[in-house]
Amino acid sequence: MPAVTHRDERIVTILVDTPKWQWRGRKWAHLVSDTSYDELHTFASELGLRREWFQGDHYDIDVQLRYTALARGAEEVTSRELVQRLRAAGLRRPARSPHRAR
């Protein structure tokens, strides 16, 4: 499993799945860490993402930003593997039901 070394020499594993969700004329993918949210937030910040864009256990990224994430060492995985690894790490948050109060 590839890892990313950041400026402070920490090793992190960042995952990105295949962009297949269409929104606003672009395709989107998910960016996650199977290690910790702190590592995900650090990596996302380095990509120029704002913390308020965090979606509970992931960031949504478009195709162009996905290429940048991969160039910076993110590991490409299927959507199924991404969810499996999030669950195994205890970092998967349940999806919000449209019927549940927010």
PDB file of N, CA and C in Angstrom:
ATOM      1  N   MET A   1       0.847  -1.168   0.000  1.00  0.00           N
ATOM      2  CA  MET A   1       0.000   0.000   0.000  1.00  0.00           C
ATOM      3  C   MET A   1       0.897   1.236   0.000  1.00  0.00           C
ATOM      4  N   PRO A   2       0.757   2.092  -1.021  1.00  0.00           N
ATOM      5  CA  PRO A   2       1.582   3.293  -1.090  1.00  0.00           C
ATOM      6  C   PRO A   2       1.244   4.258   0.037  1.00  0.00           C
ATOM      7  N   ALA A   3       2.200   5.012   0.426  1.00  0.00           N
ATOM      8  CA  ALA A   3       1.994   6.016   1.468  1.00  0.00           C
ATOM      9  C   ALA A   3       2.535   7.339   0.972  1.00  0.00           C
ATOM     10  N   VAL A   4       2.091   8.391   1.583  1.00  0.00           N
ATOM     11  CA  VAL A   4       2.493   9.738   1.210  1.00  0.00           C
ATOM     12  C   VAL A   4       3.373  10.292   2.316  1.00  0.00           C
ATOM     13  N   THR A   5       4.514  10.864   1.951  1.00  0.00           N
ATOM     14  CA  THR A   5       5.362  11.524   2.930  1.00  0.00           C
ATOM     15  C   THR A   5       5.132  13.018   2.804  1.00  0.00           C
ATOM     16  N   HIS A   6       4.747  13.647   3.899  1.00  0.00           N
ATOM     17  CA  HIS A   6       4.524  15.088   3.912  1.00  0.00           C
ATOM     18  C   HIS A   6       5.780  15.807   4.359  1.00  0.00           C
ATOM     19  N   ARG A   7       5.743  17.116   4.289  1.00  0.00           N
ATOM     20  CA  ARG A   7       6.908  17.925   4.630  1.00  0.00           C
ATOM     21  C   ARG A   7       7.498  17.598   5.980  1.00  0.00           C
ATOM     22  N   ASP A   8       6.665  17.238   6.941  1.00  0.00           N
ATOM     23  CA  ASP A   8       7.192  16.930   8.266  1.00  0.00           C
ATOM     24  C   ASP A   8       7.539  15.449   8.406  1.00  0.00           C
ATOM     25  N   GLU A   9       7.595  14.732   7.258  1.00  0.00           N
ATOM     26  CA  GLU A   9       8.038  13.344   7.173  1.00  0.00           C
ATOM     27  C   GLU A   9       7.088  12.325   7.794  1.00  0.00           C
ATOM     28  N   ARG A  10       5.839  12.700   8.052  1.00  0.00           N
ATOM     29  CA  ARG A  10       4.862  11.716   8.496  1.00  0.00           C
ATOM     30  C   ARG A  10       4.447  10.873   7.292  1.00  0.00           C
ATOM     31  N   ILE A  11       4.161   9.609   7.541  1.00  0.00           N
ATOM     32  CA  ILE A  11       3.686   8.727   6.490  1.00  0.00           C
ATOM     33  C   ILE A  11       2.166   8.596   6.635  1.00  0.00           C
ATOM     34  N   VAL A  12       1.449   8.860   5.543  1.00  0.00           N
ATOM     35  CA  VAL A  12      -0.004   8.751   5.572  1.00  0.00           C
ATOM     36  C   VAL A  12      -0.472   7.937   4.374  1.00  0.00           C
ATOM     37  N   THR A  13      -1.620   7.341   4.514  1.00  0.00           N
ATOM     38  CA  THR A  13      -2.246   6.651   3.396  1.00  0.00           C
ATOM     39  C   THR A  13      -3.535   7.376   3.060  1.00  0.00           C
ATOM     40  N   ILE A  14      -3.558   7.940   1.881  1.00  0.00           N
ATOM     41  CA  ILE A  14      -4.720   8.655   1.379  1.00  0.00           C
ATOM     42  C   ILE A  14      -5.284   7.848   0.215  1.00  0.00           C
ATOM     43  N   LEU A  15      -6.583   7.679   0.207  1.00  0.00           N
ATOM     44  CA  LEU A  15      -7.251   6.903  -0.834  1.00  0.00           C
ATOM     45  C   LEU A  15      -8.172   7.803  -1.649  1.00  0.00           C
ATOM     46  N   VAL A  16      -8.296   7.490  -2.929  1.00  0.00           N
ATOM     47  CA  VAL A  16      -9.227   8.199  -3.801  1.00  0.00           C
ATOM     48  C   VAL A  16      -9.874   7.163  -4.718  1.00  0.00           C
ATOM     49  N   ASP A  17     -11.194   7.262  -4.869  1.00  0.00           N
ATOM     50  CA  ASP A  17     -11.880   6.286  -5.705  1.00  0.00           C
ATOM     51  C   ASP A  17     -12.112   6.837  -7.111  1.00  0.00           C
ATOM     52  N   THR A  18     -12.778   6.030  -7.924  1.00  0.00           N
ATOM     53  CA  THR A  18     -13.059   6.396  -9.308  1.00  0.00           C
ATOM     54  C   THR A  18     -14.129   7.484  -9.359  1.00  0.00           C
ATOM     55  N   PRO A  19     -13.902   8.527 -10.145  1.00  0.00           N
ATOM     56  CA  PRO A  19     -14.918   9.579 -10.241  1.00  0.00           C
ATOM     57  C   PRO A  19     -16.109   9.087 -11.059  1.00  0.00           C
ATOM     58  N   LYS A  20     -17.254   8.958 -10.394  1.00  0.00           N
ATOM     59  CA  LYS A  20     -18.438   8.492 -11.123  1.00  0.00           C
ATOM     60  C   LYS A  20     -19.713   9.194 -10.713  1.00  0.00           C
ATOM     61  N   TRP A  21     -19.624  10.131  -9.787  1.00  0.00           N
ATOM     62  CA  TRP A  21     -20.802  10.871  -9.349  1.00  0.00           C
ATOM     63  C   TRP A  21     -20.868  12.183 -10.107  1.00  0.00           C
ATOM     64  N   GLN A  22     -21.909  12.355 -10.893  1.00  0.00           N
ATOM     65  CA  GLN A  22     -22.085  13.540 -11.716  1.00  0.00           C
ATOM     66  C   GLN A  22     -22.771  14.640 -10.897  1.00  0.00           C
ATOM     67  N   TRP A  23     -22.201  15.844 -10.914  1.00  0.00           N
ATOM     68  CA  TRP A  23     -22.811  16.993 -10.252  1.00  0.00           C
ATOM     69  C   TRP A  23     -22.263  18.261 -10.875  1.00  0.00           C
ATOM     70  N   ARG A  24     -23.155  19.169 -11.198  1.00  0.00           N
ATOM     71  CA  ARG A  24     -22.786  20.456 -11.795  1.00  0.00           C
ATOM     72  C   ARG A  24     -21.874  20.312 -13.014  1.00  0.00           C
ATOM     73  N   GLY A  25     -22.178  19.337 -13.837  1.00  0.00           N
ATOM     74  CA  GLY A  25     -21.456  19.160 -15.083  1.00  0.00           C
ATOM     75  C   GLY A  25     -20.073  18.531 -14.952  1.00  0.00           C
ATOM     76  N   ARG A  26     -19.731  18.061 -13.765  1.00  0.00           N
ATOM     77  CA  ARG A  26     -18.423  17.419 -13.553  1.00  0.00           C
ATOM     78  C   ARG A  26     -18.621  16.088 -12.853  1.00  0.00           C
ATOM     79  N   LYS A  27     -17.617  15.232 -12.970  1.00  0.00           N
ATOM     80  CA  LYS A  27     -17.618  13.972 -12.230  1.00  0.00           C
ATOM     81  C   LYS A  27     -16.783  14.148 -10.972  1.00  0.00           C
ATOM     82  N   TRP A  28     -17.228  13.480  -9.901  1.00  0.00           N
ATOM     83  CA  TRP A  28     -16.603  13.637  -8.595  1.00  0.00           C
ATOM     84  C   TRP A  28     -16.200  12.289  -8.015  1.00  0.00           C
ATOM     85  N   ALA A  29     -15.170  12.320  -7.179  1.00  0.00           N
ATOM     86  CA  ALA A  29     -14.652  11.147  -6.479  1.00  0.00           C
ATOM     87  C   ALA A  29     -14.579  11.486  -4.991  1.00  0.00           C
ATOM     88  N   HIS A  30     -14.211  10.493  -4.198  1.00  0.00           N
ATOM     89  CA  HIS A  30     -14.062  10.675  -2.747  1.00  0.00           C
ATOM     90  C   HIS A  30     -12.590  10.591  -2.360  1.00  0.00           C
ATOM     91  N   LEU A  31     -12.183  11.454  -1.463  1.00  0.00           N
ATOM     92  CA  LEU A  31     -10.834  11.481  -0.912  1.00  0.00           C
ATOM     93  C   LEU A  31     -10.934  11.141   0.568  1.00  0.00           C
ATOM     94  N   VAL A  32     -10.230  10.088   1.011  1.00  0.00           N
ATOM     95  CA  VAL A  32     -10.293   9.646   2.405  1.00  0.00           C
ATOM     96  C   VAL A  32      -8.911   9.241   2.898  1.00  0.00           C
ATOM     97  N   SER A  33      -8.808   9.055   4.205  1.00  0.00           N
ATOM     98  CA  SER A  33      -7.641   8.432   4.821  1.00  0.00           C
ATOM     99  C   SER A  33      -8.135   7.191   5.542  1.00  0.00           C
ATOM    100  N   ASP A  34      -7.370   6.115   5.474  1.00  0.00           N
ATOM    101  CA  ASP A  34      -7.744   4.936   6.256  1.00  0.00           C
ATOM    102  C   ASP A  34      -6.906   4.871   7.529  1.00  0.00           C
ATOM    103  N   THR A  35      -6.323   6.028   7.891  1.00  0.00           N
ATOM    104  CA  THR A  35      -5.511   6.123   9.109  1.00  0.00           C
ATOM    105  C   THR A  35      -6.149   7.062  10.122  1.00  0.00           C
ATOM    106  N   SER A  36      -6.407   8.316   9.708  1.00  0.00           N
ATOM    107  CA  SER A  36      -7.016   9.271  10.638  1.00  0.00           C
ATOM    108  C   SER A  36      -7.596  10.460   9.883  1.00  0.00           C
ATOM    109  N   TYR A  37      -8.548  11.120  10.523  1.00  0.00           N
ATOM    110  CA  TYR A  37      -9.108  12.340   9.942  1.00  0.00           C
ATOM    111  C   TYR A  37      -8.076  13.457   9.907  1.00  0.00           C
ATOM    112  N   ASP A  38      -7.199  13.529  10.907  1.00  0.00           N
ATOM    113  CA  ASP A  38      -6.172  14.574  10.916  1.00  0.00           C
ATOM    114  C   ASP A  38      -5.301  14.488   9.672  1.00  0.00           C
ATOM    115  N   GLU A  39      -4.910  13.272   9.302  1.00  0.00           N
ATOM    116  CA  GLU A  39      -4.092  13.104   8.096  1.00  0.00           C
ATOM    117  C   GLU A  39      -4.875  13.496   6.849  1.00  0.00           C
ATOM    118  N   LEU A  40      -6.144  13.153   6.818  1.00  0.00           N
ATOM    119  CA  LEU A  40      -6.985  13.535   5.685  1.00  0.00           C
ATOM    120  C   LEU A  40      -7.092  15.050   5.583  1.00  0.00           C
ATOM    121  N   HIS A  41      -7.337  15.719   6.713  1.00  0.00           N
ATOM    122  CA  HIS A  41      -7.463  17.183   6.689  1.00  0.00           C
ATOM    123  C   HIS A  41      -6.165  17.851   6.245  1.00  0.00           C
ATOM    124  N   THR A  42      -5.040  17.326   6.675  1.00  0.00           N
ATOM    125  CA  THR A  42      -3.744  17.886   6.270  1.00  0.00           C
ATOM    126  C   THR A  42      -3.551  17.749   4.764  1.00  0.00           C
ATOM    127  N   PHE A  43      -3.788  16.556   4.250  1.00  0.00           N
ATOM    128  CA  PHE A  43      -3.632  16.312   2.813  1.00  0.00           C
ATOM    129  C   PHE A  43      -4.600  17.184   2.018  1.00  0.00           C
ATOM    130  N   ALA A  44      -5.854  17.236   2.467  1.00  0.00           N
ATOM    131  CA  ALA A  44      -6.867  18.039   1.777  1.00  0.00           C
ATOM    132  C   ALA A  44      -6.480  19.517   1.768  1.00  0.00           C
ATOM    133  N   SER A  45      -5.966  20.001   2.873  1.00  0.00           N
ATOM    134  CA  SER A  45      -5.531  21.397   2.955  1.00  0.00           C
ATOM    135  C   SER A  45      -4.422  21.671   1.947  1.00  0.00           C
ATOM    136  N   GLU A  46      -3.509  20.730   1.813  1.00  0.00           N
ATOM    137  CA  GLU A  46      -2.413  20.892   0.854  1.00  0.00           C
ATOM    138  C   GLU A  46      -2.910  20.887  -0.591  1.00  0.00           C
ATOM    139  N   LEU A  47      -4.089  20.311  -0.819  1.00  0.00           N
ATOM    140  CA  LEU A  47      -4.701  20.340  -2.149  1.00  0.00           C
ATOM    141  C   LEU A  47      -5.528  21.606  -2.362  1.00  0.00           C
ATOM    142  N   GLY A  48      -5.680  22.417  -1.296  1.00  0.00           N
ATOM    143  CA  GLY A  48      -6.456  23.646  -1.397  1.00  0.00           C
ATOM    144  C   GLY A  48      -7.904  23.499  -0.980  1.00  0.00           C
ATOM    145  N   LEU A  49      -8.256  22.357  -0.375  1.00  0.00           N
ATOM    146  CA  LEU A  49      -9.630  22.154   0.082  1.00  0.00           C
ATOM    147  C   LEU A  49      -9.840  22.818   1.434  1.00  0.00           C
ATOM    148  N   ARG A  50     -11.031  23.356   1.633  1.00  0.00           N
ATOM    149  CA  ARG A  50     -11.360  23.998   2.906  1.00  0.00           C
ATOM    150  C   ARG A  50     -11.999  22.993   3.853  1.00  0.00           C
ATOM    151  N   ARG A  51     -11.750  23.131   5.133  1.00  0.00           N
ATOM    152  CA  ARG A  51     -12.237  22.189   6.132  1.00  0.00           C
ATOM    153  C   ARG A  51     -13.764  22.069   6.129  1.00  0.00           C
ATOM    154  N   GLU A  52     -14.462  23.149   5.843  1.00  0.00           N
ATOM    155  CA  GLU A  52     -15.922  23.079   5.852  1.00  0.00           C
ATOM    156  C   GLU A  52     -16.473  22.233   4.698  1.00  0.00           C
ATOM    157  N   TRP A  53     -15.640  21.827   3.769  1.00  0.00           N
ATOM    158  CA  TRP A  53     -16.068  20.953   2.684  1.00  0.00           C
ATOM    159  C   TRP A  53     -16.003  19.473   3.084  1.00  0.00           C
ATOM    160  N   PHE A  54     -15.517  19.182   4.275  1.00  0.00           N
ATOM    161  CA  PHE A  54     -15.436  17.815   4.777  1.00  0.00           C
ATOM    162  C   PHE A  54     -16.839  17.241   4.902  1.00  0.00           C
ATOM    163  N   GLN A  55     -17.044  16.022   4.410  1.00  0.00           N
ATOM    164  CA  GLN A  55     -18.370  15.402   4.346  1.00  0.00           C
ATOM    165  C   GLN A  55     -18.572  14.308   5.401  1.00  0.00           C
ATOM    166  N   GLY A  56     -17.995  14.460   6.576  1.00  0.00           N
ATOM    167  CA  GLY A  56     -18.199  13.489   7.654  1.00  0.00           C
ATOM    168  C   GLY A  56     -17.143  12.415   7.725  1.00  0.00           C
ATOM    169  N   ASP A  57     -16.709  11.882   6.565  1.00  0.00           N
ATOM    170  CA  ASP A  57     -15.604  10.932   6.538  1.00  0.00           C
ATOM    171  C   ASP A  57     -14.801  11.043   5.242  1.00  0.00           C
ATOM    172  N   HIS A  58     -15.145  12.027   4.411  1.00  0.00           N
ATOM    173  CA  HIS A  58     -14.455  12.193   3.132  1.00  0.00           C
ATOM    174  C   HIS A  58     -14.599  13.633   2.620  1.00  0.00           C
ATOM    175  N   TYR A  59     -13.805  13.922   1.598  1.00  0.00           N
ATOM    176  CA  TYR A  59     -13.966  15.133   0.809  1.00  0.00           C
ATOM    177  C   TYR A  59     -14.378  14.700  -0.592  1.00  0.00           C
ATOM    178  N   ASP A  60     -15.241  15.457  -1.230  1.00  0.00           N
ATOM    179  CA  ASP A  60     -15.557  15.240  -2.637  1.00  0.00           C
ATOM    180  C   ASP A  60     -14.549  16.042  -3.449  1.00  0.00           C
ATOM    181  N   ILE A  61     -13.973  15.384  -4.466  1.00  0.00           N
ATOM    182  CA  ILE A  61     -13.024  16.089  -5.337  1.00  0.00           C
ATOM    183  C   ILE A  61     -13.378  15.808  -6.792  1.00  0.00           C
ATOM    184  N   ASP A  62     -13.174  16.811  -7.646  1.00  0.00           N
ATOM    185  CA  ASP A  62     -13.474  16.620  -9.058  1.00  0.00           C
ATOM    186  C   ASP A  62     -12.307  15.910  -9.744  1.00  0.00           C
ATOM    187  N   VAL A  63     -12.510  15.587 -11.003  1.00  0.00           N
ATOM    188  CA  VAL A  63     -11.524  14.808 -11.759  1.00  0.00           C
ATOM    189  C   VAL A  63     -10.156  15.485 -11.779  1.00  0.00           C
ATOM    190  N   GLN A  64     -10.116  16.779 -12.013  1.00  0.00           N
ATOM    191  CA  GLN A  64      -8.829  17.474 -12.089  1.00  0.00           C
ATOM    192  C   GLN A  64      -8.084  17.416 -10.765  1.00  0.00           C
ATOM    193  N   LEU A  65      -8.779  17.660  -9.667  1.00  0.00           N
ATOM    194  CA  LEU A  65      -8.119  17.609  -8.359  1.00  0.00           C
ATOM    195  C   LEU A  65      -7.724  16.179  -8.009  1.00  0.00           C
ATOM    196  N   ARG A  66      -8.482  15.210  -8.492  1.00  0.00           N
ATOM    197  CA  ARG A  66      -8.135  13.803  -8.288  1.00  0.00           C
ATOM    198  C   ARG A  66      -6.768  13.505  -8.901  1.00  0.00           C
ATOM    199  N   TYR A  67      -6.520  14.016 -10.106  1.00  0.00           N
ATOM    200  CA  TYR A  67      -5.212  13.813 -10.732  1.00  0.00           C
ATOM    201  C   TYR A  67      -4.096  14.400  -9.875  1.00  0.00           C
ATOM    202  N   THR A  68      -4.337  15.561  -9.303  1.00  0.00           N
ATOM    203  CA  THR A  68      -3.345  16.184  -8.429  1.00  0.00           C
ATOM    204  C   THR A  68      -3.113  15.320  -7.196  1.00  0.00           C
ATOM    205  N   ALA A  69      -4.188  14.803  -6.589  1.00  0.00           N
ATOM    206  CA  ALA A  69      -4.063  13.945  -5.408  1.00  0.00           C
ATOM    207  C   ALA A  69      -3.255  12.692  -5.740  1.00  0.00           C
ATOM    208  N   LEU A  70      -3.518  12.096  -6.893  1.00  0.00           N
ATOM    209  CA  LEU A  70      -2.767  10.908  -7.297  1.00  0.00           C
ATOM    210  C   LEU A  70      -1.296  11.237  -7.531  1.00  0.00           C
ATOM    211  N   ALA A  71      -1.029  12.385  -8.138  1.00  0.00           N
ATOM    212  CA  ALA A  71       0.356  12.803  -8.379  1.00  0.00           C
ATOM    213  C   ALA A  71       1.101  13.039  -7.069  1.00  0.00           C
ATOM    214  N   ARG A  72       0.364  13.413  -6.021  1.00  0.00           N
ATOM    215  CA  ARG A  72       0.971  13.658  -4.704  1.00  0.00           C
ATOM    216  C   ARG A  72       1.022  12.399  -3.839  1.00  0.00           C
ATOM    217  N   GLY A  73       0.634  11.252  -4.421  1.00  0.00           N
ATOM    218  CA  GLY A  73       0.807   9.993  -3.722  1.00  0.00           C
ATOM    219  C   GLY A  73      -0.440   9.307  -3.212  1.00  0.00           C
ATOM    220  N   ALA A  74      -1.620   9.854  -3.498  1.00  0.00           N
ATOM    221  CA  ALA A  74      -2.853   9.169  -3.080  1.00  0.00           C
ATOM    222  C   ALA A  74      -2.954   7.844  -3.818  1.00  0.00           C
ATOM    223  N   GLU A  75      -3.553   6.872  -3.163  1.00  0.00           N
ATOM    224  CA  GLU A  75      -3.714   5.545  -3.742  1.00  0.00           C
ATOM    225  C   GLU A  75      -5.076   5.436  -4.409  1.00  0.00           C
ATOM    226  N   GLU A  76      -5.105   4.993  -5.656  1.00  0.00           N
ATOM    227  CA  GLU A  76      -6.340   4.810  -6.390  1.00  0.00           C
ATOM    228  C   GLU A  76      -6.959   3.466  -6.001  1.00  0.00           C
ATOM    229  N   VAL A  77      -8.214   3.490  -5.581  1.00  0.00           N
ATOM    230  CA  VAL A  77      -8.928   2.271  -5.197  1.00  0.00           C
ATOM    231  C   VAL A  77     -10.344   2.332  -5.748  1.00  0.00           C
ATOM    232  N   THR A  78     -11.014   1.191  -5.750  1.00  0.00           N
ATOM    233  CA  THR A  78     -12.422   1.178  -6.144  1.00  0.00           C
ATOM    234  C   THR A  78     -13.250   1.778  -5.013  1.00  0.00           C
ATOM    235  N   SER A  79     -14.464   2.166  -5.333  1.00  0.00           N
ATOM    236  CA  SER A  79     -15.359   2.705  -4.303  1.00  0.00           C
ATOM    237  C   SER A  79     -15.622   1.656  -3.226  1.00  0.00           C
ATOM    238  N   ARG A  80     -15.775   0.424  -3.628  1.00  0.00           N
ATOM    239  CA  ARG A  80     -16.021  -0.662  -2.678  1.00  0.00           C
ATOM    240  C   ARG A  80     -14.836  -0.822  -1.721  1.00  0.00           C
ATOM    241  N   GLU A  81     -13.609  -0.815  -2.271  1.00  0.00           N
ATOM    242  CA  GLU A  81     -12.430  -0.949  -1.408  1.00  0.00           C
ATOM    243  C   GLU A  81     -12.286   0.258  -0.482  1.00  0.00           C
ATOM    244  N   LEU A  82     -12.590   1.438  -0.977  1.00  0.00           N
ATOM    245  CA  LEU A  82     -12.516   2.641  -0.156  1.00  0.00           C
ATOM    246  C   LEU A  82     -13.414   2.505   1.076  1.00  0.00           C
ATOM    247  N   VAL A  83     -14.651   2.076   0.874  1.00  0.00           N
ATOM    248  CA  VAL A  83     -15.587   1.915   1.991  1.00  0.00           C
ATOM    249  C   VAL A  83     -15.115   0.802   2.930  1.00  0.00           C
ATOM    250  N   GLN A  84     -14.644  -0.308   2.377  1.00  0.00           N
ATOM    251  CA  GLN A  84     -14.150  -1.410   3.212  1.00  0.00           C
ATOM    252  C   GLN A  84     -12.997  -0.957   4.101  1.00  0.00           C
ATOM    253  N   ARG A  85     -12.083  -0.181   3.534  1.00  0.00           N
ATOM    254  CA  ARG A  85     -10.924   0.266   4.307  1.00  0.00           C
ATOM    255  C   ARG A  85     -11.312   1.310   5.352  1.00  0.00           C
ATOM    256  N   LEU A  86     -12.271   2.163   5.028  1.00  0.00           N
ATOM    257  CA  LEU A  86     -12.773   3.109   6.027  1.00  0.00           C
ATOM    258  C   LEU A  86     -13.417   2.368   7.189  1.00  0.00           C
ATOM    259  N   ARG A  87     -14.231   1.374   6.876  1.00  0.00           N
ATOM    260  CA  ARG A  87     -14.885   0.586   7.937  1.00  0.00           C
ATOM    261  C   ARG A  87     -13.853  -0.147   8.787  1.00  0.00           C
ATOM    262  N   ALA A  88     -12.880  -0.783   8.146  1.00  0.00           N
ATOM    263  CA  ALA A  88     -11.851  -1.536   8.874  1.00  0.00           C
ATOM    264  C   ALA A  88     -11.059  -0.628   9.808  1.00  0.00           C
ATOM    265  N   ALA A  89     -10.883   0.632   9.407  1.00  0.00           N
ATOM    266  CA  ALA A  89     -10.139   1.599  10.226  1.00  0.00           C
ATOM    267  C   ALA A  89     -11.029   2.251  11.288  1.00  0.00           C
ATOM    268  N   GLY A  90     -12.328   1.967  11.249  1.00  0.00           N
ATOM    269  CA  GLY A  90     -13.256   2.587  12.198  1.00  0.00           C
ATOM    270  C   GLY A  90     -13.555   4.039  11.873  1.00  0.00           C
ATOM    271  N   LEU A  91     -13.331   4.460  10.636  1.00  0.00           N
ATOM    272  CA  LEU A  91     -13.511   5.854  10.241  1.00  0.00           C
ATOM    273  C   LEU A  91     -14.745   6.090   9.376  1.00  0.00           C
ATOM    274  N   ARG A  92     -15.500   5.058   9.061  1.00  0.00           N
ATOM    275  CA  ARG A  92     -16.687   5.222   8.227  1.00  0.00           C
ATOM    276  C   ARG A  92     -17.821   5.778   9.065  1.00  0.00           C
ATOM    277  N   ARG A  93     -18.398   6.857   8.605  1.00  0.00           N
ATOM    278  CA  ARG A  93     -19.559   7.448   9.273  1.00  0.00           C
ATOM    279  C   ARG A  93     -20.803   6.984   8.539  1.00  0.00           C
ATOM    280  N   PRO A  94     -21.863   6.651   9.246  1.00  0.00           N
ATOM    281  CA  PRO A  94     -23.089   6.215   8.560  1.00  0.00           C
ATOM    282  C   PRO A  94     -23.683   7.346   7.725  1.00  0.00           C
ATOM    283  N   ALA A  95     -24.237   6.966   6.592  1.00  0.00           N
ATOM    284  CA  ALA A  95     -24.884   7.954   5.723  1.00  0.00           C
ATOM    285  C   ALA A  95     -26.114   8.498   6.426  1.00  0.00           C
ATOM    286  N   ARG A  96     -26.386   9.761   6.212  1.00  0.00           N
ATOM    287  CA  ARG A  96     -27.582  10.375   6.794  1.00  0.00           C
ATOM    288  C   ARG A  96     -28.799   9.938   6.009  1.00  0.00           C
ATOM    289  N   SER A  97     -29.797   9.517   6.707  1.00  0.00           N
ATOM    290  CA  SER A  97     -31.065   9.161   6.081  1.00  0.00           C
ATOM    291  C   SER A  97     -31.827  10.446   5.785  1.00  0.00           C
ATOM    292  N   PRO A  98     -32.482  10.528   4.615  1.00  0.00           N
ATOM    293  CA  PRO A  98     -33.262  11.741   4.340  1.00  0.00           C
ATOM    294  C   PRO A  98     -34.444  11.901   5.295  1.00  0.00           C
ATOM    295  N   HIS A  99     -34.797  10.817   6.003  1.00  0.00           N
ATOM    296  CA  HIS A  99     -35.930  10.859   6.920  1.00  0.00           C
ATOM    297  C   HIS A  99     -35.516  11.167   8.343  1.00  0.00           C
ATOM    298  N   ARG A 100     -34.241  11.125   8.628  1.00  0.00           N
ATOM    299  CA  ARG A 100     -33.758  11.363   9.977  1.00  0.00           C
ATOM    300  C   ARG A 100     -33.545  12.863  10.184  1.00  0.00           C
ATOM    301  N   ALA A 101     -33.882  13.352  11.349  1.00  0.00           N
ATOM    302  CA  ALA A 101     -33.683  14.772  11.669  1.00  0.00           C
ATOM    303  C   ALA A 101     -32.201  15.090  11.705  1.00  0.00           C
ATOM    304  N   ARG A 102     -31.829  16.272  11.260  1.00  0.00           N
ATOM    305  CA  ARG A 102     -30.411  16.647  11.218  1.00  0.00           C
ATOM    306  C   ARG A 102     -30.021  17.394  12.441  1.00  0.00           C
TER     307      ARG A 102
END
